[in-house]
């Protein structure tokens, strides 16, 4: 975040990432926690489905029925 702060506003960066301002400021006040590989995989998968507009696994199951 600090890398881009000089060139872009916090609001623009957060909007691009799909993160609300309140969430960002809450994160900045919390101690840093390492995320598990499972949590990272969930976030990446969620973002892929959002960008490609593919059905989520739950929606896909419903389509097959």
PDB file of N, CA and C in Angstrom:
ATOM      1  N   UNK A   1       0.831  -1.186   0.000  1.00  0.00           N
ATOM      2  CA  UNK A   1       0.000   0.000   0.000  1.00  0.00           C
ATOM      3  C   UNK A   1       0.876   1.250   0.000  1.00  0.00           C
ATOM      4  N   UNK A   2       1.902   1.247   0.841  1.00  0.00           N
ATOM      5  CA  UNK A   2       2.767   2.433   0.937  1.00  0.00           C
ATOM      6  C   UNK A   2       3.478   2.723  -0.383  1.00  0.00           C
ATOM      7  N   UNK A   3       3.748   1.679  -1.156  1.00  0.00           N
ATOM      8  CA  UNK A   3       4.437   1.835  -2.442  1.00  0.00           C
ATOM      9  C   UNK A   3       3.635   2.716  -3.401  1.00  0.00           C
ATOM     10  N   UNK A   4       2.311   2.595  -3.377  1.00  0.00           N
ATOM     11  CA  UNK A   4       1.459   3.312  -4.320  1.00  0.00           C
ATOM     12  C   UNK A   4       0.860   4.583  -3.742  1.00  0.00           C
ATOM     13  N   UNK A   5       1.020   4.805  -2.461  1.00  0.00           N
ATOM     14  CA  UNK A   5       0.355   5.918  -1.789  1.00  0.00           C
ATOM     15  C   UNK A   5       0.736   7.284  -2.348  1.00  0.00           C
ATOM     16  N   UNK A   6       1.971   7.457  -2.774  1.00  0.00           N
ATOM     17  CA  UNK A   6       2.399   8.748  -3.312  1.00  0.00           C
ATOM     18  C   UNK A   6       1.763   9.069  -4.647  1.00  0.00           C
ATOM     19  N   UNK A   7       1.471   8.029  -5.421  1.00  0.00           N
ATOM     20  CA  UNK A   7       0.948   8.227  -6.768  1.00  0.00           C
ATOM     21  C   UNK A   7      -0.585   8.176  -6.818  1.00  0.00           C
ATOM     22  N   UNK A   8      -1.198   7.376  -5.938  1.00  0.00           N
ATOM     23  CA  UNK A   8      -2.645   7.184  -5.947  1.00  0.00           C
ATOM     24  C   UNK A   8      -3.223   7.468  -4.562  1.00  0.00           C
ATOM     25  N   UNK A   9      -4.499   7.797  -4.520  1.00  0.00           N
ATOM     26  CA  UNK A   9      -5.138   8.014  -3.223  1.00  0.00           C
ATOM     27  C   UNK A   9      -5.459   6.662  -2.595  1.00  0.00           C
ATOM     28  N   UNK A  10      -5.584   6.657  -1.283  1.00  0.00           N
ATOM     29  CA  UNK A  10      -5.949   5.438  -0.568  1.00  0.00           C
ATOM     30  C   UNK A  10      -7.290   4.926  -1.092  1.00  0.00           C
ATOM     31  N   UNK A  11      -8.209   5.831  -1.332  1.00  0.00           N
ATOM     32  CA  UNK A  11      -9.532   5.449  -1.823  1.00  0.00           C
ATOM     33  C   UNK A  11      -9.441   4.740  -3.172  1.00  0.00           C
ATOM     34  N   UNK A  12      -8.607   5.238  -4.078  1.00  0.00           N
ATOM     35  CA  UNK A  12      -8.462   4.618  -5.401  1.00  0.00           C
ATOM     36  C   UNK A  12      -7.866   3.220  -5.289  1.00  0.00           C
ATOM     37  N   UNK A  13      -6.872   3.061  -4.438  1.00  0.00           N
ATOM     38  CA  UNK A  13      -6.238   1.754  -4.257  1.00  0.00           C
ATOM     39  C   UNK A  13      -7.224   0.762  -3.655  1.00  0.00           C
ATOM     40  N   UNK A  14      -7.933   1.193  -2.625  1.00  0.00           N
ATOM     41  CA  UNK A  14      -8.889   0.302  -1.966  1.00  0.00           C
ATOM     42  C   UNK A  14     -10.031  -0.073  -2.896  1.00  0.00           C
ATOM     43  N   UNK A  15     -10.477   0.868  -3.702  1.00  0.00           N
ATOM     44  CA  UNK A  15     -11.544   0.603  -4.658  1.00  0.00           C
ATOM     45  C   UNK A  15     -11.102  -0.455  -5.666  1.00  0.00           C
ATOM     46  N   UNK A  16      -9.872  -0.340  -6.140  1.00  0.00           N
ATOM     47  CA  UNK A  16      -9.330  -1.316  -7.082  1.00  0.00           C
ATOM     48  C   UNK A  16      -9.255  -2.700  -6.463  1.00  0.00           C
ATOM     49  N   UNK A  17      -8.883  -2.758  -5.193  1.00  0.00           N
ATOM     50  CA  UNK A  17      -8.762  -4.037  -4.497  1.00  0.00           C
ATOM     51  C   UNK A  17     -10.103  -4.564  -3.997  1.00  0.00           C
ATOM     52  N   UNK A  18     -11.124  -3.724  -4.032  1.00  0.00           N
ATOM     53  CA  UNK A  18     -12.435  -4.138  -3.544  1.00  0.00           C
ATOM     54  C   UNK A  18     -12.494  -4.208  -2.025  1.00  0.00           C
ATOM     55  N   UNK A  19     -11.738  -3.321  -1.360  1.00  0.00           N
ATOM     56  CA  UNK A  19     -11.676  -3.285   0.103  1.00  0.00           C
ATOM     57  C   UNK A  19     -12.265  -1.960   0.577  1.00  0.00           C
ATOM     58  N   UNK A  20     -13.138  -2.015   1.568  1.00  0.00           N
ATOM     59  CA  UNK A  20     -13.723  -0.796   2.112  1.00  0.00           C
ATOM     60  C   UNK A  20     -12.739  -0.028   2.975  1.00  0.00           C
ATOM     61  N   UNK A  21     -12.946   1.289   3.066  1.00  0.00           N
ATOM     62  CA  UNK A  21     -12.058   2.122   3.890  1.00  0.00           C
ATOM     63  C   UNK A  21     -12.050   1.679   5.345  1.00  0.00           C
ATOM     64  N   UNK A  22     -13.229   1.384   5.884  1.00  0.00           N
ATOM     65  CA  UNK A  22     -13.287   0.990   7.299  1.00  0.00           C
ATOM     66  C   UNK A  22     -12.501  -0.293   7.540  1.00  0.00           C
ATOM     67  N   UNK A  23     -12.573  -1.222   6.586  1.00  0.00           N
ATOM     68  CA  UNK A  23     -11.815  -2.478   6.709  1.00  0.00           C
ATOM     69  C   UNK A  23     -10.322  -2.187   6.694  1.00  0.00           C
ATOM     70  N   UNK A  24      -9.886  -1.341   5.762  1.00  0.00           N
ATOM     71  CA  UNK A  24      -8.467  -0.996   5.667  1.00  0.00           C
ATOM     72  C   UNK A  24      -7.963  -0.367   6.971  1.00  0.00           C
ATOM     73  N   UNK A  25      -8.694   0.599   7.483  1.00  0.00           N
ATOM     74  CA  UNK A  25      -8.234   1.263   8.701  1.00  0.00           C
ATOM     75  C   UNK A  25      -8.286   0.335   9.912  1.00  0.00           C
ATOM     76  N   UNK A  26      -9.230  -0.591   9.926  1.00  0.00           N
ATOM     77  CA  UNK A  26      -9.256  -1.594  10.996  1.00  0.00           C
ATOM     78  C   UNK A  26      -8.023  -2.489  10.891  1.00  0.00           C
ATOM     79  N   UNK A  27      -7.666  -2.873   9.656  1.00  0.00           N
ATOM     80  CA  UNK A  27      -6.479  -3.710   9.456  1.00  0.00           C
ATOM     81  C   UNK A  27      -5.213  -2.984   9.887  1.00  0.00           C
ATOM     82  N   UNK A  28      -5.136  -1.680   9.612  1.00  0.00           N
ATOM     83  CA  UNK A  28      -3.912  -0.954   9.967  1.00  0.00           C
ATOM     84  C   UNK A  28      -3.742  -0.833  11.478  1.00  0.00           C
ATOM     85  N   UNK A  29      -4.827  -0.920  12.229  1.00  0.00           N
ATOM     86  CA  UNK A  29      -4.736  -0.830  13.684  1.00  0.00           C
ATOM     87  C   UNK A  29      -4.537  -2.172  14.365  1.00  0.00           C
ATOM     88  N   UNK A  30      -4.683  -3.278  13.621  1.00  0.00           N
ATOM     89  CA  UNK A  30      -4.501  -4.609  14.195  1.00  0.00           C
ATOM     90  C   UNK A  30      -3.046  -5.044  14.024  1.00  0.00           C
ATOM     91  N   UNK A  31      -2.576  -5.921  14.924  1.00  0.00           N
ATOM     92  CA  UNK A  31      -1.235  -6.482  14.713  1.00  0.00           C
ATOM     93  C   UNK A  31      -1.236  -7.354  13.449  1.00  0.00           C
ATOM     94  N   UNK A  32      -0.098  -7.434  12.797  1.00  0.00           N
ATOM     95  CA  UNK A  32       0.015  -8.205  11.564  1.00  0.00           C
ATOM     96  C   UNK A  32      -0.113  -9.697  11.874  1.00  0.00           C
ATOM     97  N   UNK A  33      -0.984 -10.370  11.129  1.00  0.00           N
ATOM     98  CA  UNK A  33      -1.167 -11.812  11.271  1.00  0.00           C
ATOM     99  C   UNK A  33      -0.845 -12.453   9.927  1.00  0.00           C
ATOM    100  N   UNK A  34      -0.143 -13.560   9.960  1.00  0.00           N
ATOM    101  CA  UNK A  34       0.124 -14.282   8.732  1.00  0.00           C
ATOM    102  C   UNK A  34      -1.112 -15.084   8.351  1.00  0.00           C
ATOM    103  N   UNK A  35      -1.443 -15.071   7.053  1.00  0.00           N
ATOM    104  CA  UNK A  35      -2.596 -15.826   6.586  1.00  0.00           C
ATOM    105  C   UNK A  35      -2.161 -17.246   6.228  1.00  0.00           C
ATOM    106  N   UNK A  36      -3.062 -18.174   6.446  1.00  0.00           N
ATOM    107  CA  UNK A  36      -2.770 -19.557   6.081  1.00  0.00           C
ATOM    108  C   UNK A  36      -2.848 -19.702   4.565  1.00  0.00           C
ATOM    109  N   UNK A  37      -2.268 -20.767   4.048  1.00  0.00           N
ATOM    110  CA  UNK A  37      -2.331 -21.012   2.606  1.00  0.00           C
ATOM    111  C   UNK A  37      -3.779 -21.200   2.160  1.00  0.00           C
ATOM    112  N   UNK A  38      -4.595 -21.805   3.011  1.00  0.00           N
ATOM    113  CA  UNK A  38      -6.000 -22.018   2.672  1.00  0.00           C
ATOM    114  C   UNK A  38      -6.724 -20.683   2.524  1.00  0.00           C
ATOM    115  N   UNK A  39      -6.456 -19.748   3.432  1.00  0.00           N
ATOM    116  CA  UNK A  39      -7.097 -18.436   3.363  1.00  0.00           C
ATOM    117  C   UNK A  39      -6.685 -17.698   2.091  1.00  0.00           C
ATOM    118  N   UNK A  40      -5.421 -17.775   1.748  1.00  0.00           N
ATOM    119  CA  UNK A  40      -4.930 -17.130   0.526  1.00  0.00           C
ATOM    120  C   UNK A  40      -5.594 -17.755  -0.697  1.00  0.00           C
ATOM    121  N   UNK A  41      -5.713 -19.088  -0.726  1.00  0.00           N
ATOM    122  CA  UNK A  41      -6.344 -19.778  -1.849  1.00  0.00           C
ATOM    123  C   UNK A  41      -7.805 -19.366  -1.995  1.00  0.00           C
ATOM    124  N   UNK A  42      -8.502 -19.202  -0.877  1.00  0.00           N
ATOM    125  CA  UNK A  42      -9.906 -18.783  -0.919  1.00  0.00           C
ATOM    126  C   UNK A  42     -10.031 -17.393  -1.516  1.00  0.00           C
ATOM    127  N   UNK A  43      -9.173 -16.485  -1.095  1.00  0.00           N
ATOM    128  CA  UNK A  43      -9.218 -15.108  -1.606  1.00  0.00           C
ATOM    129  C   UNK A  43      -8.920 -15.078  -3.094  1.00  0.00           C
ATOM    130  N   UNK A  44      -7.899 -15.807  -3.524  1.00  0.00           N
ATOM    131  CA  UNK A  44      -7.531 -15.835  -4.944  1.00  0.00           C
ATOM    132  C   UNK A  44      -8.671 -16.421  -5.770  1.00  0.00           C
ATOM    133  N   UNK A  45      -9.240 -17.525  -5.304  1.00  0.00           N
ATOM    134  CA  UNK A  45     -10.339 -18.166  -6.028  1.00  0.00           C
ATOM    135  C   UNK A  45     -11.533 -17.230  -6.122  1.00  0.00           C
ATOM    136  N   UNK A  46     -11.858 -16.565  -5.028  1.00  0.00           N
ATOM    137  CA  UNK A  46     -12.984 -15.641  -5.019  1.00  0.00           C
ATOM    138  C   UNK A  46     -12.772 -14.522  -6.041  1.00  0.00           C
ATOM    139  N   UNK A  47     -11.542 -13.990  -6.090  1.00  0.00           N
ATOM    140  CA  UNK A  47     -11.250 -12.908  -7.032  1.00  0.00           C
ATOM    141  C   UNK A  47     -11.296 -13.390  -8.474  1.00  0.00           C
ATOM    142  N   UNK A  48     -10.863 -14.617  -8.730  1.00  0.00           N
ATOM    143  CA  UNK A  48     -10.917 -15.166 -10.089  1.00  0.00           C
ATOM    144  C   UNK A  48     -12.364 -15.281 -10.535  1.00  0.00           C
ATOM    145  N   UNK A  49     -13.242 -15.803  -9.650  1.00  0.00           N
ATOM    146  CA  UNK A  49     -14.645 -15.932 -10.016  1.00  0.00           C
ATOM    147  C   UNK A  49     -15.287 -14.571 -10.241  1.00  0.00           C
ATOM    148  N   UNK A  50     -14.902 -13.568  -9.457  1.00  0.00           N
ATOM    149  CA  UNK A  50     -15.467 -12.229  -9.634  1.00  0.00           C
ATOM    150  C   UNK A  50     -15.071 -11.653 -10.987  1.00  0.00           C
ATOM    151  N   UNK A  51     -13.785 -11.781 -11.349  1.00  0.00           N
ATOM    152  CA  UNK A  51     -13.276 -11.154 -12.567  1.00  0.00           C
ATOM    153  C   UNK A  51     -13.745 -11.872 -13.824  1.00  0.00           C
ATOM    154  N   UNK A  52     -13.857 -13.192 -13.785  1.00  0.00           N
ATOM    155  CA  UNK A  52     -14.223 -13.934 -14.984  1.00  0.00           C
ATOM    156  C   UNK A  52     -15.718 -14.158 -15.087  1.00  0.00           C
ATOM    157  N   UNK A  53     -16.420 -13.849 -14.008  1.00  0.00           N
ATOM    158  CA  UNK A  53     -17.869 -14.018 -13.946  1.00  0.00           C
ATOM    159  C   UNK A  53     -18.289 -15.470 -14.168  1.00  0.00           C
ATOM    160  N   UNK A  54     -17.417 -16.400 -13.796  1.00  0.00           N
ATOM    161  CA  UNK A  54     -17.772 -17.812 -13.842  1.00  0.00           C
ATOM    162  C   UNK A  54     -18.643 -18.131 -12.631  1.00  0.00           C
ATOM    163  N   UNK A  55     -19.467 -19.150 -12.728  1.00  0.00           N
ATOM    164  CA  UNK A  55     -20.266 -19.511 -11.550  1.00  0.00           C
ATOM    165  C   UNK A  55     -19.360 -20.051 -10.450  1.00  0.00           C
ATOM    166  N   UNK A  56     -19.702 -19.766  -9.219  1.00  0.00           N
ATOM    167  CA  UNK A  56     -18.952 -20.329  -8.097  1.00  0.00           C
ATOM    168  C   UNK A  56     -19.240 -21.816  -8.039  1.00  0.00           C
ATOM    169  N   UNK A  57     -18.437 -22.597  -7.311  1.00  0.00           N
ATOM    170  CA  UNK A  57     -18.717 -24.037  -7.208  1.00  0.00           C
ATOM    171  C   UNK A  57     -20.133 -24.316  -6.714  1.00  0.00           C
ATOM    172  N   UNK A  58     -20.642 -23.487  -5.801  1.00  0.00           N
ATOM    173  CA  UNK A  58     -21.989 -23.699  -5.290  1.00  0.00           C
ATOM    174  C   UNK A  58     -23.035 -23.434  -6.373  1.00  0.00           C
ATOM    175  N   UNK A  59     -22.837 -22.383  -7.154  1.00  0.00           N
ATOM    176  CA  UNK A  59     -23.764 -22.091  -8.248  1.00  0.00           C
ATOM    177  C   UNK A  59     -23.676 -23.171  -9.319  1.00  0.00           C
ATOM    178  N   UNK A  60     -22.460 -23.638  -9.572  1.00  0.00           N
ATOM    179  CA  UNK A  60     -22.251 -24.658 -10.596  1.00  0.00           C
ATOM    180  C   UNK A  60     -22.990 -25.939 -10.232  1.00  0.00           C
ATOM    181  N   UNK A  61     -22.951 -26.333  -8.962  1.00  0.00           N
ATOM    182  CA  UNK A  61     -23.674 -27.528  -8.513  1.00  0.00           C
ATOM    183  C   UNK A  61     -25.164 -27.379  -8.767  1.00  0.00           C
ATOM    184  N   UNK A  62     -25.685 -26.196  -8.513  1.00  0.00           N
ATOM    185  CA  UNK A  62     -27.106 -25.949  -8.741  1.00  0.00           C
ATOM    186  C   UNK A  62     -27.481 -26.025 -10.209  1.00  0.00           C
ATOM    187  N   UNK A  63     -26.545 -25.652 -11.094  1.00  0.00           N
ATOM    188  CA  UNK A  63     -26.801 -25.689 -12.527  1.00  0.00           C
ATOM    189  C   UNK A  63     -26.869 -27.127 -13.036  1.00  0.00           C
ATOM    190  N   UNK A  64     -26.081 -28.008 -12.407  1.00  0.00           N
ATOM    191  CA  UNK A  64     -26.021 -29.401 -12.855  1.00  0.00           C
ATOM    192  C   UNK A  64     -27.280 -30.162 -12.465  1.00  0.00           C
ATOM    193  N   UNK A  65     -27.964 -29.698 -11.421  1.00  0.00           N
ATOM    194  CA  UNK A  65     -29.142 -30.435 -10.932  1.00  0.00           C
ATOM    195  C   UNK A  65     -30.339 -30.245 -11.811  1.00  0.00           C
TER     196      UNK A  65
END
